[in-house]
Amino acid sequence: APMVQINNDYYTVHKSLDCNEWQEVARIPGAGNTNQLMNYHIFDEDPYVGQSYYRLMQTDYDGNYEMFNIVGVFYDKPIALSINPNPVEDALTLYLSETLRGVTQVTIYNTKGQRIFNKGFIGDWKVIELDVAEYKKGYYILDVDHNRRKGSLKFIKE
């Protein structure tokens, strides 16, 4: 069935982390007056990571507007990690591709899959230093978990 647009000036798409503070993502011109089915597409070039919310608003030429249902979206972009230097000797320096806020869980496993280190780092983190002086020589897997987003890499202890 055709969708009727009357005095439709534009559509606005907003995004939010908390459904209180909204940021405009895109503004799309409306068709004014039409009874033709119109399809609109937008792409958020810079989505929030983790849980966020989107809403659509339609505004008429006279300034009256209508809000539509809020839609929740979860974007779980992997966390890029690097360790430098690798192999490591006494101190492991973990570099995160972005600043992680809140609780960042770091876990280290040995080659047998045994968890030998597990700690939550609270606050804003972009670089994390770990003391691995007591670790035996060999391969290890380091996992980072931040609000259900994950990152993982291997390192060698010399």
C-alpha atoms as a PDB file:
ATOM      1  CA  ALA A   1       0.000   0.000   0.000  1.00  0.00           C
ATOM      2  CA  PRO A   2       1.346   3.465  -0.775  1.00  0.00           C
ATOM      3  CA  MET A   3       2.513   5.539   2.156  1.00  0.00           C
ATOM      4  CA  VAL A   4       1.094   9.034   2.205  1.00  0.00           C
ATOM      5  CA  GLN A   5       3.407  11.960   2.985  1.00  0.00           C
ATOM      6  CA  ILE A   6       1.742  15.305   3.657  1.00  0.00           C
ATOM      7  CA  ASN A   7       3.828  18.460   4.211  1.00  0.00           C
ATOM      8  CA  ASN A   8       6.835  16.232   4.982  1.00  0.00           C
ATOM      9  CA  ASP A   9       9.911  18.473   5.220  1.00  0.00           C
ATOM     10  CA  TYR A  10      12.524  15.941   6.423  1.00  0.00           C
ATOM     11  CA  TYR A  11      13.364  12.844   8.451  1.00  0.00           C
ATOM     12  CA  THR A  12      16.029  12.871  11.165  1.00  0.00           C
ATOM     13  CA  VAL A  13      17.848   9.836  12.554  1.00  0.00           C
ATOM     14  CA  HIS A  14      19.329  10.227  16.057  1.00  0.00           C
ATOM     15  CA  LYS A  15      21.525   7.934  18.145  1.00  0.00           C
ATOM     16  CA  SER A  16      22.060   7.680  21.899  1.00  0.00           C
ATOM     17  CA  LEU A  17      23.891   5.647  24.508  1.00  0.00           C
ATOM     18  CA  ASP A  18      21.239   6.170  27.209  1.00  0.00           C
ATOM     19  CA  CYS A  19      17.978   7.260  25.478  1.00  0.00           C
ATOM     20  CA  ASN A  20      18.344  10.692  27.130  1.00  0.00           C
ATOM     21  CA  GLU A  21      21.127  12.461  25.224  1.00  0.00           C
ATOM     22  CA  TRP A  22      20.581  12.224  21.447  1.00  0.00           C
ATOM     23  CA  GLN A  23      22.964  13.066  18.598  1.00  0.00           C
ATOM     24  CA  GLU A  24      21.871  13.633  15.008  1.00  0.00           C
ATOM     25  CA  VAL A  25      23.222  10.993  12.605  1.00  0.00           C
ATOM     26  CA  ALA A  26      21.492  12.056   9.388  1.00  0.00           C
ATOM     27  CA  ARG A  27      18.838  14.378   8.006  1.00  0.00           C
ATOM     28  CA  ILE A  28      17.019  13.177   4.886  1.00  0.00           C
ATOM     29  CA  PRO A  29      14.752  15.463   2.831  1.00  0.00           C
ATOM     30  CA  GLY A  30      11.136  14.332   2.759  1.00  0.00           C
ATOM     31  CA  ALA A  31       8.996  14.135  -0.362  1.00  0.00           C
ATOM     32  CA  GLY A  32       6.657  16.977   0.613  1.00  0.00           C
ATOM     33  CA  ASN A  33       3.281  15.661  -0.537  1.00  0.00           C
ATOM     34  CA  THR A  34       3.159  12.224  -2.151  1.00  0.00           C
ATOM     35  CA  ASN A  35       1.219   9.002  -2.038  1.00  0.00           C
ATOM     36  CA  GLN A  36       4.078   6.988  -3.569  1.00  0.00           C
ATOM     37  CA  LEU A  37       6.015   4.426  -1.535  1.00  0.00           C
ATOM     38  CA  MET A  38       9.434   5.936  -0.800  1.00  0.00           C
ATOM     39  CA  ASN A  39      12.451   4.002   0.527  1.00  0.00           C
ATOM     40  CA  TYR A  40      15.164   5.754   2.528  1.00  0.00           C
ATOM     41  CA  HIS A  41      18.565   4.404   3.614  1.00  0.00           C
ATOM     42  CA  ILE A  42      21.254   5.841   5.869  1.00  0.00           C
ATOM     43  CA  PHE A  43      24.538   4.449   7.168  1.00  0.00           C
ATOM     44  CA  ASP A  44      26.067   5.485  10.502  1.00  0.00           C
ATOM     45  CA  GLU A  45      29.757   6.020   9.636  1.00  0.00           C
ATOM     46  CA  ASP A  46      30.747   6.294  13.308  1.00  0.00           C
ATOM     47  CA  PRO A  47      28.532   3.998  15.412  1.00  0.00           C
ATOM     48  CA  TYR A  48      28.868   3.795  19.172  1.00  0.00           C
ATOM     49  CA  VAL A  49      30.583   0.617  20.299  1.00  0.00           C
ATOM     50  CA  GLY A  50      28.514  -1.680  22.499  1.00  0.00           C
ATOM     51  CA  GLN A  51      24.825  -0.983  23.206  1.00  0.00           C
ATOM     52  CA  SER A  52      23.250   2.075  21.632  1.00  0.00           C
ATOM     53  CA  TYR A  53      19.835   3.276  20.475  1.00  0.00           C
ATOM     54  CA  TYR A  54      18.445   4.885  17.326  1.00  0.00           C
ATOM     55  CA  ARG A  55      15.225   6.769  16.700  1.00  0.00           C
ATOM     56  CA  LEU A  56      13.515   8.267  13.654  1.00  0.00           C
ATOM     57  CA  MET A  57      11.819  11.641  13.716  1.00  0.00           C
ATOM     58  CA  GLN A  58       9.664  13.108  10.924  1.00  0.00           C
ATOM     59  CA  THR A  59       9.301  16.898  10.724  1.00  0.00           C
ATOM     60  CA  ASP A  60       6.688  18.845   8.719  1.00  0.00           C
ATOM     61  CA  TYR A  61       7.190  22.211   7.011  1.00  0.00           C
ATOM     62  CA  ASP A  62       5.307  23.874   9.900  1.00  0.00           C
ATOM     63  CA  GLY A  63       7.696  22.416  12.529  1.00  0.00           C
ATOM     64  CA  ASN A  64       5.326  19.758  13.854  1.00  0.00           C
ATOM     65  CA  TYR A  65       7.097  16.438  14.280  1.00  0.00           C
ATOM     66  CA  GLU A  66       6.457  12.810  15.082  1.00  0.00           C
ATOM     67  CA  MET A  67       8.821  10.420  16.912  1.00  0.00           C
ATOM     68  CA  PHE A  68       8.911   6.734  16.052  1.00  0.00           C
ATOM     69  CA  ASN A  69       9.906   3.726  18.155  1.00  0.00           C
ATOM     70  CA  ILE A  70      13.429   3.567  19.564  1.00  0.00           C
ATOM     71  CA  VAL A  71      15.485   0.650  18.269  1.00  0.00           C
ATOM     72  CA  GLY A  72      18.372  -0.902  20.233  1.00  0.00           C
ATOM     73  CA  VAL A  73      21.564  -1.957  18.447  1.00  0.00           C
ATOM     74  CA  PHE A  74      24.595  -3.838  19.798  1.00  0.00           C
ATOM     75  CA  TYR A  75      27.866  -3.271  17.888  1.00  0.00           C
ATOM     76  CA  ASP A  76      30.629  -5.559  19.144  1.00  0.00           C
ATOM     77  CA  LYS A  77      33.650  -4.484  17.130  1.00  0.00           C
ATOM     78  CA  PRO A  78      36.636  -6.604  18.244  1.00  0.00           C
ATOM     79  CA  ILE A  79      39.285  -4.907  20.360  1.00  0.00           C
ATOM     80  CA  ALA A  80      42.600  -4.691  18.495  1.00  0.00           C
ATOM     81  CA  LEU A  81      45.571  -5.505  20.725  1.00  0.00           C
ATOM     82  CA  SER A  82      49.334  -5.479  20.397  1.00  0.00           C
ATOM     83  CA  ILE A  83      52.204  -6.421  22.682  1.00  0.00           C
ATOM     84  CA  ASN A  84      55.549  -4.740  22.256  1.00  0.00           C
ATOM     85  CA  PRO A  85      58.141  -6.124  22.482  1.00  0.00           C
ATOM     86  CA  ASN A  86      57.030  -9.698  21.781  1.00  0.00           C
ATOM     87  CA  PRO A  87      58.724 -11.969  22.935  1.00  0.00           C
ATOM     88  CA  VAL A  88      58.569 -10.425  26.417  1.00  0.00           C
ATOM     89  CA  GLU A  89      61.005 -10.781  29.297  1.00  0.00           C
ATOM     90  CA  ASP A  90      59.906  -9.359  32.673  1.00  0.00           C
ATOM     91  CA  ALA A  91      57.312  -6.727  31.786  1.00  0.00           C
ATOM     92  CA  LEU A  92      54.531  -7.129  29.263  1.00  0.00           C
ATOM     93  CA  THR A  93      53.172  -3.924  27.737  1.00  0.00           C
ATOM     94  CA  LEU A  94      49.713  -4.356  26.236  1.00  0.00           C
ATOM     95  CA  TYR A  95      48.583  -1.672  23.784  1.00  0.00           C
ATOM     96  CA  LEU A  96      44.848  -1.286  23.121  1.00  0.00           C
ATOM     97  CA  SER A  97      43.649   0.209  19.831  1.00  0.00           C
ATOM     98  CA  GLU A  98      41.324   2.561  21.734  1.00  0.00           C
ATOM     99  CA  THR A  99      40.815   3.826  25.278  1.00  0.00           C
ATOM    100  CA  LEU A 100      38.584   1.382  27.160  1.00  0.00           C
ATOM    101  CA  ARG A 101      36.451   2.899  29.923  1.00  0.00           C
ATOM    102  CA  GLY A 102      34.923   1.074  32.861  1.00  0.00           C
ATOM    103  CA  VAL A 103      36.075  -2.474  33.623  1.00  0.00           C
ATOM    104  CA  THR A 104      38.561  -4.167  31.296  1.00  0.00           C
ATOM    105  CA  GLN A 105      39.109  -7.842  32.138  1.00  0.00           C
ATOM    106  CA  VAL A 106      42.537  -9.271  31.235  1.00  0.00           C
ATOM    107  CA  THR A 107      43.081 -13.039  31.336  1.00  0.00           C
ATOM    108  CA  ILE A 108      46.199 -15.028  30.466  1.00  0.00           C
ATOM    109  CA  TYR A 109      46.186 -18.752  29.655  1.00  0.00           C
ATOM    110  CA  ASN A 110      49.109 -21.149  29.292  1.00  0.00           C
ATOM    111  CA  THR A 111      49.386 -23.663  26.450  1.00  0.00           C
ATOM    112  CA  LYS A 112      47.434 -26.223  28.524  1.00  0.00           C
ATOM    113  CA  GLY A 113      44.473 -23.817  28.595  1.00  0.00           C
ATOM    114  CA  GLN A 114      44.893 -23.137  32.319  1.00  0.00           C
ATOM    115  CA  ARG A 115      44.008 -19.631  33.447  1.00  0.00           C
ATOM    116  CA  ILE A 116      47.105 -18.251  35.176  1.00  0.00           C
ATOM    117  CA  PHE A 117      46.134 -14.567  35.390  1.00  0.00           C
ATOM    118  CA  ASN A 118      42.776 -12.816  35.644  1.00  0.00           C
ATOM    119  CA  LYS A 119      42.276  -9.205  36.698  1.00  0.00           C
ATOM    120  CA  GLY A 120      39.766  -6.433  36.135  1.00  0.00           C
ATOM    121  CA  PHE A 121      41.306  -3.027  35.386  1.00  0.00           C
ATOM    122  CA  ILE A 122      38.938  -0.205  36.361  1.00  0.00           C
ATOM    123  CA  GLY A 123      39.108   3.236  34.760  1.00  0.00           C
ATOM    124  CA  ASP A 124      40.330   4.488  31.379  1.00  0.00           C
ATOM    125  CA  TRP A 125      42.932   2.195  29.804  1.00  0.00           C
ATOM    126  CA  LYS A 126      44.882   2.382  26.549  1.00  0.00           C
ATOM    127  CA  VAL A 127      48.136   0.794  27.760  1.00  0.00           C
ATOM    128  CA  ILE A 128      48.309  -1.927  30.439  1.00  0.00           C
ATOM    129  CA  GLU A 129      51.581  -3.067  32.033  1.00  0.00           C
ATOM    130  CA  LEU A 130      51.787  -6.595  33.452  1.00  0.00           C
ATOM    131  CA  ASP A 131      54.597  -8.229  35.428  1.00  0.00           C
ATOM    132  CA  VAL A 132      55.384 -11.601  33.844  1.00  0.00           C
ATOM    133  CA  ALA A 133      58.853 -12.084  35.390  1.00  0.00           C
ATOM    134  CA  GLU A 134      57.714 -15.262  37.222  1.00  0.00           C
ATOM    135  CA  TYR A 135      56.194 -16.896  34.108  1.00  0.00           C
ATOM    136  CA  LYS A 136      57.939 -19.920  32.601  1.00  0.00           C
ATOM    137  CA  LYS A 137      59.380 -19.600  29.095  1.00  0.00           C
ATOM    138  CA  GLY A 138      56.857 -20.450  26.396  1.00  0.00           C
ATOM    139  CA  TYR A 139      53.692 -19.404  24.594  1.00  0.00           C
ATOM    140  CA  TYR A 140      50.707 -17.744  26.262  1.00  0.00           C
ATOM    141  CA  ILE A 141      47.320 -16.441  25.160  1.00  0.00           C
ATOM    142  CA  LEU A 142      46.116 -13.086  26.459  1.00  0.00           C
ATOM    143  CA  ASP A 143      42.385 -12.278  26.303  1.00  0.00           C
ATOM    144  CA  VAL A 144      40.744  -8.909  26.878  1.00  0.00           C
ATOM    145  CA  ASP A 145      37.034  -8.642  27.618  1.00  0.00           C
ATOM    146  CA  HIS A 146      35.328  -5.255  27.829  1.00  0.00           C
ATOM    147  CA  ASN A 147      31.498  -5.114  27.986  1.00  0.00           C
ATOM    148  CA  ARG A 148      31.190  -8.342  25.950  1.00  0.00           C
ATOM    149  CA  ARG A 149      33.668  -7.081  23.336  1.00  0.00           C
ATOM    150  CA  LYS A 150      36.733  -9.249  23.084  1.00  0.00           C
ATOM    151  CA  GLY A 151      40.294  -9.224  21.845  1.00  0.00           C
ATOM    152  CA  SER A 152      42.916 -11.956  21.931  1.00  0.00           C
ATOM    153  CA  LEU A 153      46.545 -12.503  21.001  1.00  0.00           C
ATOM    154  CA  LYS A 154      49.488 -14.796  21.664  1.00  0.00           C
ATOM    155  CA  PHE A 155      52.773 -13.827  23.210  1.00  0.00           C
ATOM    156  CA  ILE A 156      56.065 -15.555  23.956  1.00  0.00           C
ATOM    157  CA  LYS A 157      57.851 -15.349  27.331  1.00  0.00           C
ATOM    158  CA  GLU A 158      61.636 -15.594  27.060  1.00  0.00           C
END
